[in-house]
Amino acid sequence: MNESSPGFDRLGQQISFMVEVDKLKEVFRQTKLINSGRQENDAEHSWHLCLTVILLAEHANSSDLDVLHVLKMVILHDLVEIDAGDTFAYDEAGMVDQHERESVAADRIFGILPADQAAQFRGIWDEFEAQETPEAKFALACDRFQPMLLNVMTNGASWKEHGITHDRVVARNQRIENGSTTMWGRMSTMLDDAVAAGIVAPAPRAK
């Protein structure tokens, strides 16, 4: 242990976790920021996602949603990308082992914490992955809604860059409806308008 080490007591472990997760600020996503056009980093995404949850919770399918629990879920679920990296939403090859890579990362990163918090945080991460509770479904709805909104507002920047068509956007994101039919209805309309405006390419015609 060097002089700057926070130590191995409970507070020391928590501080070590804080230092480790600062790395999230350097994990970049394919989504572009609305004003500057640069890539969004994961920490910025997490902040915007938390705000989205607070702002749109009234549109959740569940009338008794535990908003605080959803906030914990969305602030924790991307921390694994410190090790596993950000898997592009339309990278089919990268998704094959995504859960396995991220599960290993969850073991290491949450394992920095005291045992009780490590178990709690890992349980919240697993809940998001399982997509069985109303809170997990709404967390996913917001997690899909936010980057779609950024894509629409940047004239489809990352969709165009990777040749993503309307049908692929719908197939990837229609699970928003499981958490909020209202949010998916609005986004479906925005996607139709985006096709008409040339922001996202229509589905290729069958040969």
Protein backbone atom coordinates (compact mmCIF):
# COMPACT_ATOMS: atom_id res chain seq x y z
CA MET A 1 0.00 0.00 0.00
CA ASN A 2 1.48 3.38 -0.99
CA GLU A 3 1.00 6.71 0.79
CA SER A 4 -1.90 7.72 -1.47
CA SER A 5 -3.78 4.42 -1.07
CA PRO A 6 -7.19 4.84 0.59
CA GLY A 7 -6.65 1.66 2.63
CA PHE A 8 -8.63 -1.54 2.97
CA ASP A 9 -11.19 -0.59 5.62
CA ARG A 10 -14.81 -0.08 4.55
CA LEU A 11 -14.40 3.59 3.61
CA GLY A 12 -11.14 2.79 1.87
CA GLN A 13 -12.83 0.16 -0.30
CA GLN A 14 -15.61 2.61 -1.17
CA ILE A 15 -13.08 5.28 -2.12
CA SER A 16 -11.21 2.74 -4.27
CA PHE A 17 -14.50 2.03 -6.06
CA MET A 18 -15.06 5.75 -6.63
CA VAL A 19 -11.58 6.06 -8.13
CA GLU A 20 -12.12 3.01 -10.36
CA VAL A 21 -15.47 4.10 -11.78
CA ASP A 22 -14.05 7.49 -12.76
CA LYS A 23 -12.79 5.54 -15.77
CA LEU A 24 -16.35 5.52 -17.12
CA LYS A 25 -15.76 9.10 -18.26
CA GLU A 26 -13.28 7.74 -20.80
CA VAL A 27 -15.50 5.05 -22.32
CA PHE A 28 -16.97 6.49 -25.51
CA ARG A 29 -20.20 5.49 -27.21
CA GLN A 30 -21.21 5.63 -30.87
CA THR A 31 -23.94 8.17 -30.08
CA LYS A 32 -23.07 11.78 -30.91
CA LEU A 33 -23.83 14.85 -28.80
CA ILE A 34 -26.48 17.17 -30.18
CA ASN A 35 -24.48 20.39 -30.22
CA SER A 36 -20.82 19.47 -30.75
CA GLY A 37 -21.22 16.23 -32.69
CA ARG A 38 -18.50 14.48 -30.66
CA GLN A 39 -19.04 11.03 -29.21
CA GLU A 40 -20.90 10.83 -25.93
CA ASN A 41 -19.02 9.18 -23.08
CA ASP A 42 -20.63 6.67 -20.74
CA ALA A 43 -20.67 9.01 -17.74
CA GLU A 44 -22.54 11.64 -19.77
CA HIS A 45 -24.96 8.95 -20.93
CA SER A 46 -25.53 7.83 -17.33
CA TRP A 47 -26.28 11.40 -16.20
CA HIS A 48 -28.69 12.00 -19.09
CA LEU A 49 -30.29 8.62 -18.44
CA CYS A 50 -30.91 9.42 -14.77
CA LEU A 51 -32.53 12.70 -15.75
CA THR A 52 -34.65 10.83 -18.31
CA VAL A 53 -35.91 8.46 -15.61
CA ILE A 54 -36.88 11.31 -13.29
CA LEU A 55 -38.50 13.29 -16.08
CA LEU A 56 -40.45 10.50 -17.77
CA ALA A 57 -41.33 8.22 -14.84
CA GLU A 58 -44.97 9.30 -15.09
CA HIS A 59 -45.14 7.54 -18.47
CA ALA A 60 -44.05 4.13 -17.13
CA ASN A 61 -46.47 1.25 -17.61
CA SER A 62 -46.27 0.54 -13.87
CA SER A 63 -48.29 2.95 -11.75
CA ASP A 64 -46.29 2.23 -8.56
CA LEU A 65 -42.78 2.37 -10.00
CA ASP A 66 -39.91 2.62 -7.49
CA VAL A 67 -38.11 5.52 -9.16
CA LEU A 68 -35.18 5.51 -6.75
CA HIS A 69 -34.55 1.86 -7.56
CA VAL A 70 -34.66 2.61 -11.28
CA LEU A 71 -32.12 5.39 -10.74
CA LYS A 72 -29.78 2.99 -8.96
CA MET A 73 -30.17 0.57 -11.85
CA VAL A 74 -29.36 3.06 -14.61
CA ILE A 75 -26.40 4.59 -12.75
CA LEU A 76 -24.86 1.15 -12.13
CA HIS A 77 -25.58 -0.87 -15.23
CA ASP A 78 -22.97 0.68 -17.55
CA LEU A 79 -20.08 0.54 -15.06
CA VAL A 80 -19.14 -2.86 -16.49
CA GLU A 81 -18.15 -1.13 -19.73
CA ILE A 82 -14.98 0.06 -17.98
CA ASP A 83 -13.69 -3.47 -18.62
CA ALA A 84 -16.00 -4.80 -21.33
CA GLY A 85 -16.15 -1.65 -23.45
CA ASP A 86 -19.26 -0.23 -25.07
CA THR A 87 -20.88 -2.72 -27.43
CA PHE A 88 -22.51 -0.85 -30.31
CA ALA A 89 -26.26 -1.46 -30.29
CA TYR A 90 -26.22 -2.91 -33.83
CA ASP A 91 -23.00 -4.93 -33.58
CA GLU A 92 -24.45 -8.44 -33.85
CA ALA A 93 -21.05 -10.14 -33.53
CA GLY A 94 -20.17 -8.13 -30.44
CA MET A 95 -23.44 -9.05 -28.78
CA VAL A 96 -22.76 -12.79 -28.94
CA ASP A 97 -20.57 -12.74 -25.84
CA GLN A 98 -21.59 -9.34 -24.47
CA HIS A 99 -23.33 -10.67 -21.37
CA GLU A 100 -20.43 -12.98 -20.53
CA ARG A 101 -17.87 -10.18 -20.87
CA GLU A 102 -19.97 -7.81 -18.83
CA SER A 103 -20.68 -10.41 -16.13
CA VAL A 104 -16.95 -10.94 -15.60
CA ALA A 105 -16.53 -7.15 -15.44
CA ALA A 106 -19.35 -6.89 -12.88
CA ASP A 107 -17.60 -9.44 -10.66
CA ARG A 108 -14.37 -7.45 -10.67
CA ILE A 109 -15.70 -3.90 -10.46
CA PHE A 110 -18.41 -4.45 -7.84
CA GLY A 111 -15.98 -6.76 -6.02
CA ILE A 112 -13.90 -3.70 -5.09
CA LEU A 113 -16.66 -2.73 -2.65
CA PRO A 114 -17.32 -4.10 0.84
CA ALA A 115 -19.08 -7.47 0.53
CA ASP A 116 -22.59 -6.23 1.38
CA GLN A 117 -22.50 -3.36 -1.12
CA ALA A 118 -20.84 -5.58 -3.71
CA ALA A 119 -23.73 -8.04 -3.42
CA GLN A 120 -26.34 -5.25 -3.49
CA PHE A 121 -24.89 -3.56 -6.57
CA ARG A 122 -24.39 -6.84 -8.39
CA GLY A 123 -27.98 -7.79 -7.60
CA ILE A 124 -29.23 -4.53 -9.10
CA TRP A 125 -27.11 -5.12 -12.22
CA ASP A 126 -28.46 -8.66 -12.55
CA GLU A 127 -32.02 -7.37 -12.16
CA PHE A 128 -31.54 -5.02 -15.11
CA GLU A 129 -30.14 -7.87 -17.19
CA ALA A 130 -33.01 -10.22 -16.33
CA GLN A 131 -35.70 -7.71 -17.41
CA GLU A 132 -38.40 -9.20 -15.20
CA THR A 133 -39.38 -6.35 -12.86
CA PRO A 134 -41.30 -3.17 -13.79
CA GLU A 135 -38.27 -1.14 -12.68
CA ALA A 136 -35.90 -3.07 -14.96
CA LYS A 137 -38.26 -2.73 -17.90
CA PHE A 138 -38.58 1.01 -17.43
CA ALA A 139 -34.82 1.37 -16.96
CA LEU A 140 -34.31 -0.38 -20.30
CA ALA A 141 -36.99 1.77 -21.93
CA CYS A 142 -35.12 4.92 -20.91
CA ASP A 143 -31.77 3.38 -21.89
CA ARG A 144 -33.08 2.80 -25.42
CA PHE A 145 -35.07 6.04 -25.67
CA GLN A 146 -32.18 8.38 -24.82
CA PRO A 147 -29.74 7.38 -27.60
CA MET A 148 -32.56 7.25 -30.14
CA LEU A 149 -33.47 10.82 -29.25
CA LEU A 150 -29.83 11.90 -29.69
CA ASN A 151 -29.71 10.15 -33.05
CA VAL A 152 -32.85 11.90 -34.26
CA MET A 153 -31.56 15.27 -33.05
CA THR A 154 -28.17 14.79 -34.77
CA ASN A 155 -29.81 13.94 -38.11
CA GLY A 156 -29.14 10.26 -37.64
CA ALA A 157 -25.38 10.72 -37.25
CA SER A 158 -24.43 7.28 -35.92
CA TRP A 159 -27.21 5.52 -37.85
CA LYS A 160 -25.89 6.93 -41.12
CA GLU A 161 -22.28 6.27 -40.16
CA HIS A 162 -23.02 2.57 -39.69
CA GLY A 163 -25.71 2.17 -42.38
CA ILE A 164 -28.52 1.40 -39.92
CA THR A 165 -31.98 1.28 -41.48
CA HIS A 166 -35.40 1.93 -39.97
CA ASP A 167 -36.29 -1.75 -39.60
CA ARG A 168 -33.12 -2.43 -37.59
CA VAL A 169 -33.79 0.55 -35.33
CA VAL A 170 -37.30 -0.74 -34.64
CA ALA A 171 -36.16 -4.33 -34.06
CA ARG A 172 -33.54 -3.17 -31.58
CA ASN A 173 -35.65 -0.67 -29.67
CA GLN A 174 -39.27 -1.79 -29.66
CA ARG A 175 -38.67 -3.28 -26.19
CA ILE A 176 -39.19 0.28 -24.96
CA GLU A 177 -42.87 -0.67 -25.10
CA ASN A 178 -42.38 -3.17 -22.26
CA GLY A 179 -41.53 -0.29 -19.94
CA SER A 180 -43.65 2.45 -21.48
CA THR A 181 -46.15 2.12 -24.30
CA THR A 182 -46.44 5.91 -24.33
CA MET A 183 -42.72 6.46 -24.88
CA TRP A 184 -42.58 3.84 -27.61
CA GLY A 185 -45.61 5.33 -29.35
CA ARG A 186 -43.96 8.75 -29.43
CA MET A 187 -40.62 7.35 -30.58
CA SER A 188 -42.31 5.30 -33.32
CA THR A 189 -43.84 8.50 -34.66
CA MET A 190 -40.48 10.28 -34.45
CA LEU A 191 -38.88 7.42 -36.38
CA ASP A 192 -41.50 7.62 -39.12
CA ASP A 193 -40.86 11.35 -39.36
CA ALA A 194 -37.12 10.65 -39.42
CA VAL A 195 -37.53 8.36 -42.43
CA ALA A 196 -39.54 11.03 -44.23
CA ALA A 197 -36.84 13.61 -43.44
CA GLY A 198 -34.00 11.35 -44.60
CA ILE A 199 -32.58 11.08 -41.08
CA VAL A 200 -32.79 7.29 -41.09
CA ALA A 201 -32.90 5.14 -44.22
CA PRO A 202 -36.04 3.06 -44.85
CA ALA A 203 -35.88 -0.70 -44.75
CA PRO A 204 -34.34 -2.15 -47.91
CA ARG A 205 -36.87 -3.40 -50.45
CA ALA A 206 -37.25 -7.15 -50.78
CA LYS A 207 -35.71 -8.50 -53.98
